[in-house]
Amino acid sequence: MELIKVKRHFQLTIPAALREKLRLAVGDYVQADVENGKIVIRPVEVVSPEKEKSAATAEARQKAWAMLDEIWTEMKDQDPREVEELADEAVKAVRKNQ
């Protein structure tokens, strides 16, 4: 157990041993809660809007490719222009759901 002193402006310094165990680095975020009368501090991962958007875009691409594969399989003997129109509709549907 580590002893931590409450400093001016109620700041706390997390001891090195705890930082190492939790692999905390400068700039990381932690979440503090009160549980059963105790302060509990947990590391948290903050997802930036850029990362979140990137993940959503990747998921949308996967959905679109799955739709296109399905269309291609079902319509491989059809007119390519008709297949292209259906593919365009599939892409629009995925974008609409983002």
N, C-alpha and C. Protein backbone atom coordinates (compact mmCIF):
# COMPACT_ATOMS: atom_id res chain seq x y z
N MET A 1 0.85 -1.18 0.00
CA MET A 1 0.00 0.00 0.00
C MET A 1 0.89 1.23 0.00
N GLU A 2 0.54 2.20 -0.83
CA GLU A 2 1.31 3.44 -0.93
C GLU A 2 0.59 4.56 -0.18
N LEU A 3 1.34 5.43 0.46
CA LEU A 3 0.80 6.58 1.16
C LEU A 3 0.96 7.80 0.25
N ILE A 4 -0.13 8.54 0.05
CA ILE A 4 -0.12 9.72 -0.82
C ILE A 4 -0.59 10.92 -0.01
N LYS A 5 0.16 12.00 -0.09
CA LYS A 5 -0.19 13.22 0.64
C LYS A 5 -1.01 14.14 -0.28
N VAL A 6 -2.09 14.70 0.27
CA VAL A 6 -2.89 15.68 -0.46
C VAL A 6 -2.13 17.01 -0.38
N LYS A 7 -1.81 17.55 -1.56
CA LYS A 7 -1.01 18.78 -1.62
C LYS A 7 -1.89 19.99 -1.90
N ARG A 8 -1.22 21.14 -2.02
CA ARG A 8 -1.90 22.39 -2.32
C ARG A 8 -2.80 22.21 -3.54
N HIS A 9 -3.94 22.81 -3.55
CA HIS A 9 -4.94 22.70 -4.62
C HIS A 9 -5.47 21.26 -4.73
N PHE A 10 -5.33 20.48 -3.66
CA PHE A 10 -5.83 19.10 -3.56
C PHE A 10 -5.25 18.18 -4.63
N GLN A 11 -4.02 18.45 -5.01
CA GLN A 11 -3.35 17.61 -6.00
C GLN A 11 -2.72 16.40 -5.34
N LEU A 12 -2.70 15.30 -6.09
CA LEU A 12 -2.09 14.06 -5.64
C LEU A 12 -1.02 13.64 -6.64
N THR A 13 0.03 13.02 -6.14
CA THR A 13 1.05 12.44 -7.01
C THR A 13 0.96 10.93 -6.87
N ILE A 14 0.77 10.26 -8.00
CA ILE A 14 0.70 8.80 -7.97
C ILE A 14 2.13 8.27 -7.86
N PRO A 15 2.40 7.48 -6.84
CA PRO A 15 3.77 6.97 -6.65
C PRO A 15 4.24 6.15 -7.84
N ALA A 16 5.54 6.18 -8.07
CA ALA A 16 6.15 5.49 -9.22
C ALA A 16 5.78 4.01 -9.27
N ALA A 17 5.77 3.35 -8.12
CA ALA A 17 5.47 1.91 -8.10
C ALA A 17 4.06 1.64 -8.67
N LEU A 18 3.11 2.49 -8.31
CA LEU A 18 1.74 2.32 -8.82
C LEU A 18 1.66 2.68 -10.30
N ARG A 19 2.36 3.76 -10.69
CA ARG A 19 2.36 4.16 -12.12
C ARG A 19 2.91 3.03 -12.98
N GLU A 20 3.97 2.39 -12.50
CA GLU A 20 4.57 1.29 -13.26
C GLU A 20 3.63 0.10 -13.35
N LYS A 21 2.99 -0.25 -12.23
CA LYS A 21 2.04 -1.38 -12.24
C LYS A 21 0.90 -1.15 -13.23
N LEU A 22 0.44 0.10 -13.28
CA LEU A 22 -0.69 0.45 -14.16
C LEU A 22 -0.25 0.92 -15.54
N ARG A 23 1.06 1.00 -15.73
CA ARG A 23 1.63 1.48 -17.00
C ARG A 23 1.08 2.86 -17.39
N LEU A 24 1.02 3.73 -16.41
CA LEU A 24 0.56 5.10 -16.65
C LEU A 24 1.71 5.94 -17.18
N ALA A 25 1.36 6.81 -18.11
CA ALA A 25 2.36 7.72 -18.67
C ALA A 25 1.81 9.14 -18.61
N VAL A 26 2.69 10.11 -18.75
CA VAL A 26 2.28 11.51 -18.77
C VAL A 26 1.25 11.69 -19.89
N GLY A 27 0.14 12.34 -19.57
CA GLY A 27 -0.89 12.58 -20.57
C GLY A 27 -2.02 11.55 -20.53
N ASP A 28 -1.81 10.43 -19.83
CA ASP A 28 -2.88 9.44 -19.70
C ASP A 28 -3.99 10.00 -18.82
N TYR A 29 -5.17 9.41 -18.93
CA TYR A 29 -6.31 9.82 -18.11
C TYR A 29 -6.63 8.73 -17.09
N VAL A 30 -7.12 9.17 -15.94
CA VAL A 30 -7.63 8.25 -14.93
C VAL A 30 -9.03 8.72 -14.55
N GLN A 31 -9.81 7.78 -14.03
CA GLN A 31 -11.16 8.08 -13.58
C GLN A 31 -11.19 7.87 -12.08
N ALA A 32 -11.79 8.81 -11.35
CA ALA A 32 -11.86 8.69 -9.90
C ALA A 32 -13.32 8.55 -9.48
N ASP A 33 -13.58 7.60 -8.59
CA ASP A 33 -14.92 7.36 -8.06
C ASP A 33 -14.82 7.14 -6.56
N VAL A 34 -15.96 7.26 -5.89
CA VAL A 34 -16.04 6.90 -4.48
C VAL A 34 -16.81 5.60 -4.39
N GLU A 35 -16.19 4.58 -3.83
CA GLU A 35 -16.82 3.27 -3.65
C GLU A 35 -16.67 2.85 -2.20
N ASN A 36 -17.78 2.67 -1.54
CA ASN A 36 -17.77 2.25 -0.13
C ASN A 36 -16.90 3.17 0.73
N GLY A 37 -17.02 4.46 0.50
CA GLY A 37 -16.27 5.42 1.30
C GLY A 37 -14.80 5.54 0.96
N LYS A 38 -14.38 4.94 -0.17
CA LYS A 38 -12.97 4.99 -0.58
C LYS A 38 -12.86 5.63 -1.95
N ILE A 39 -11.76 6.31 -2.17
CA ILE A 39 -11.49 6.86 -3.51
C ILE A 39 -10.84 5.76 -4.34
N VAL A 40 -11.43 5.48 -5.48
CA VAL A 40 -10.89 4.46 -6.38
C VAL A 40 -10.50 5.16 -7.67
N ILE A 41 -9.24 5.01 -8.04
CA ILE A 41 -8.74 5.65 -9.26
C ILE A 41 -8.39 4.54 -10.26
N ARG A 42 -8.96 4.67 -11.47
CA ARG A 42 -8.74 3.67 -12.52
C ARG A 42 -8.22 4.35 -13.78
N PRO A 43 -7.28 3.72 -14.47
CA PRO A 43 -6.86 4.25 -15.77
C PRO A 43 -8.01 4.07 -16.77
N VAL A 44 -8.16 5.02 -17.66
CA VAL A 44 -9.17 4.91 -18.72
C VAL A 44 -8.53 5.30 -20.05
N GLU A 45 -9.09 4.75 -21.12
CA GLU A 45 -8.62 5.11 -22.45
C GLU A 45 -9.62 6.08 -23.05
N VAL A 46 -9.14 7.22 -23.44
CA VAL A 46 -9.99 8.23 -24.06
C VAL A 46 -9.82 8.11 -25.56
N VAL A 47 -10.93 7.91 -26.26
CA VAL A 47 -10.88 7.76 -27.71
C VAL A 47 -11.13 9.12 -28.34
N SER A 48 -10.18 9.57 -29.12
CA SER A 48 -10.33 10.86 -29.77
C SER A 48 -11.38 10.77 -30.87
N PRO A 49 -12.03 11.89 -31.21
CA PRO A 49 -13.01 11.87 -32.29
C PRO A 49 -12.42 11.35 -33.61
N GLU A 50 -11.13 11.64 -33.84
CA GLU A 50 -10.48 11.17 -35.07
C GLU A 50 -10.40 9.64 -35.08
N LYS A 51 -10.01 9.04 -33.96
CA LYS A 51 -9.93 7.58 -33.87
C LYS A 51 -11.31 6.95 -34.02
N GLU A 52 -12.29 7.56 -33.37
CA GLU A 52 -13.66 7.04 -33.42
C GLU A 52 -14.19 7.08 -34.84
N LYS A 53 -13.94 8.20 -35.53
CA LYS A 53 -14.39 8.34 -36.91
C LYS A 53 -13.68 7.32 -37.81
N SER A 54 -12.40 7.12 -37.56
CA SER A 54 -11.63 6.17 -38.36
C SER A 54 -12.18 4.75 -38.19
N ALA A 55 -12.52 4.38 -36.96
CA ALA A 55 -13.07 3.05 -36.70
C ALA A 55 -14.44 2.90 -37.37
N ALA A 56 -15.26 3.95 -37.31
CA ALA A 56 -16.58 3.91 -37.95
C ALA A 56 -16.44 3.80 -39.46
N THR A 57 -15.47 4.49 -40.02
CA THR A 57 -15.23 4.43 -41.46
C THR A 57 -14.79 3.03 -41.88
N ALA A 58 -13.92 2.43 -41.11
CA ALA A 58 -13.46 1.07 -41.42
C ALA A 58 -14.61 0.08 -41.35
N GLU A 59 -15.47 0.24 -40.35
CA GLU A 59 -16.63 -0.65 -40.22
C GLU A 59 -17.59 -0.46 -41.41
N ALA A 60 -17.79 0.79 -41.81
CA ALA A 60 -18.66 1.07 -42.95
C ALA A 60 -18.09 0.45 -44.23
N ARG A 61 -16.77 0.53 -44.39
CA ARG A 61 -16.15 -0.08 -45.57
C ARG A 61 -16.37 -1.59 -45.58
N GLN A 62 -16.22 -2.22 -44.42
CA GLN A 62 -16.43 -3.66 -44.34
C GLN A 62 -17.86 -4.02 -44.73
N LYS A 63 -18.82 -3.25 -44.24
CA LYS A 63 -20.22 -3.50 -44.58
C LYS A 63 -20.44 -3.33 -46.08
N ALA A 64 -19.87 -2.30 -46.64
CA ALA A 64 -20.04 -2.04 -48.07
C ALA A 64 -19.44 -3.18 -48.90
N TRP A 65 -18.24 -3.62 -48.53
CA TRP A 65 -17.61 -4.72 -49.29
C TRP A 65 -18.42 -6.00 -49.16
N ALA A 66 -18.99 -6.25 -47.99
CA ALA A 66 -19.82 -7.44 -47.81
C ALA A 66 -21.05 -7.37 -48.71
N MET A 67 -21.66 -6.19 -48.77
CA MET A 67 -22.82 -6.01 -49.65
C MET A 67 -22.43 -6.20 -51.12
N LEU A 68 -21.31 -5.62 -51.48
CA LEU A 68 -20.86 -5.73 -52.87
C LEU A 68 -20.54 -7.19 -53.23
N ASP A 69 -19.93 -7.92 -52.33
CA ASP A 69 -19.65 -9.34 -52.57
C ASP A 69 -20.94 -10.11 -52.78
N GLU A 70 -21.93 -9.81 -51.95
CA GLU A 70 -23.23 -10.49 -52.07
C GLU A 70 -23.89 -10.17 -53.41
N ILE A 71 -23.86 -8.91 -53.78
CA ILE A 71 -24.45 -8.50 -55.06
C ILE A 71 -23.72 -9.19 -56.21
N TRP A 72 -22.39 -9.18 -56.15
CA TRP A 72 -21.61 -9.78 -57.23
C TRP A 72 -21.90 -11.27 -57.36
N THR A 73 -21.98 -11.97 -56.23
CA THR A 73 -22.26 -13.41 -56.24
C THR A 73 -23.64 -13.71 -56.84
N GLU A 74 -24.62 -12.93 -56.41
CA GLU A 74 -25.99 -13.17 -56.86
C GLU A 74 -26.22 -12.74 -58.32
N MET A 75 -25.43 -11.79 -58.78
CA MET A 75 -25.72 -11.21 -60.09
C MET A 75 -24.56 -11.31 -61.08
N LYS A 76 -23.70 -12.30 -60.92
CA LYS A 76 -22.53 -12.38 -61.78
C LYS A 76 -22.89 -12.57 -63.25
N ASP A 77 -24.09 -13.05 -63.55
CA ASP A 77 -24.52 -13.25 -64.94
C ASP A 77 -25.38 -12.10 -65.45
N GLN A 78 -25.55 -11.06 -64.63
CA GLN A 78 -26.40 -9.91 -65.00
C GLN A 78 -25.60 -8.86 -65.77
N ASP A 79 -26.34 -7.92 -66.32
CA ASP A 79 -25.75 -6.77 -67.01
C ASP A 79 -24.89 -5.98 -66.01
N PRO A 80 -23.63 -5.70 -66.32
CA PRO A 80 -22.74 -4.98 -65.39
C PRO A 80 -23.29 -3.62 -64.96
N ARG A 81 -24.05 -2.94 -65.84
CA ARG A 81 -24.61 -1.64 -65.46
C ARG A 81 -25.65 -1.79 -64.35
N GLU A 82 -26.43 -2.86 -64.42
CA GLU A 82 -27.43 -3.11 -63.38
C GLU A 82 -26.73 -3.41 -62.05
N VAL A 83 -25.68 -4.20 -62.13
CA VAL A 83 -24.91 -4.51 -60.92
C VAL A 83 -24.32 -3.24 -60.34
N GLU A 84 -23.80 -2.37 -61.19
CA GLU A 84 -23.21 -1.11 -60.72
C GLU A 84 -24.25 -0.24 -60.03
N GLU A 85 -25.46 -0.18 -60.56
CA GLU A 85 -26.53 0.60 -59.94
C GLU A 85 -26.85 0.07 -58.54
N LEU A 86 -26.94 -1.24 -58.43
CA LEU A 86 -27.22 -1.85 -57.13
C LEU A 86 -26.07 -1.60 -56.15
N ALA A 87 -24.87 -1.64 -56.65
CA ALA A 87 -23.70 -1.36 -55.80
C ALA A 87 -23.75 0.08 -55.30
N ASP A 88 -24.11 1.01 -56.18
CA ASP A 88 -24.25 2.42 -55.78
C ASP A 88 -25.29 2.56 -54.67
N GLU A 89 -26.41 1.85 -54.82
CA GLU A 89 -27.45 1.90 -53.80
C GLU A 89 -26.95 1.35 -52.46
N ALA A 90 -26.17 0.28 -52.54
CA ALA A 90 -25.62 -0.31 -51.31
C ALA A 90 -24.69 0.67 -50.60
N VAL A 91 -23.86 1.35 -51.36
CA VAL A 91 -22.94 2.33 -50.78
C VAL A 91 -23.73 3.47 -50.14
N LYS A 92 -24.75 3.96 -50.82
CA LYS A 92 -25.58 5.03 -50.26
C LYS A 92 -26.25 4.59 -48.96
N ALA A 93 -26.71 3.34 -48.91
CA ALA A 93 -27.36 2.83 -47.70
C ALA A 93 -26.39 2.81 -46.53
N VAL A 94 -25.16 2.39 -46.78
CA VAL A 94 -24.15 2.35 -45.72
C VAL A 94 -23.85 3.76 -45.24
N ARG A 95 -23.68 4.68 -46.17
CA ARG A 95 -23.37 6.07 -45.78
C ARG A 95 -24.51 6.70 -44.99
N LYS A 96 -25.74 6.36 -45.36
CA LYS A 96 -26.90 6.91 -44.67
C LYS A 96 -26.94 6.45 -43.21
N ASN A 97 -26.47 5.24 -42.94
CA ASN A 97 -26.50 4.69 -41.58
C ASN A 97 -25.32 5.11 -40.72
N GLN A 98 -24.42 5.92 -41.24
CA GLN A 98 -23.27 6.36 -40.45
C GLN A 98 -23.64 7.47 -39.52
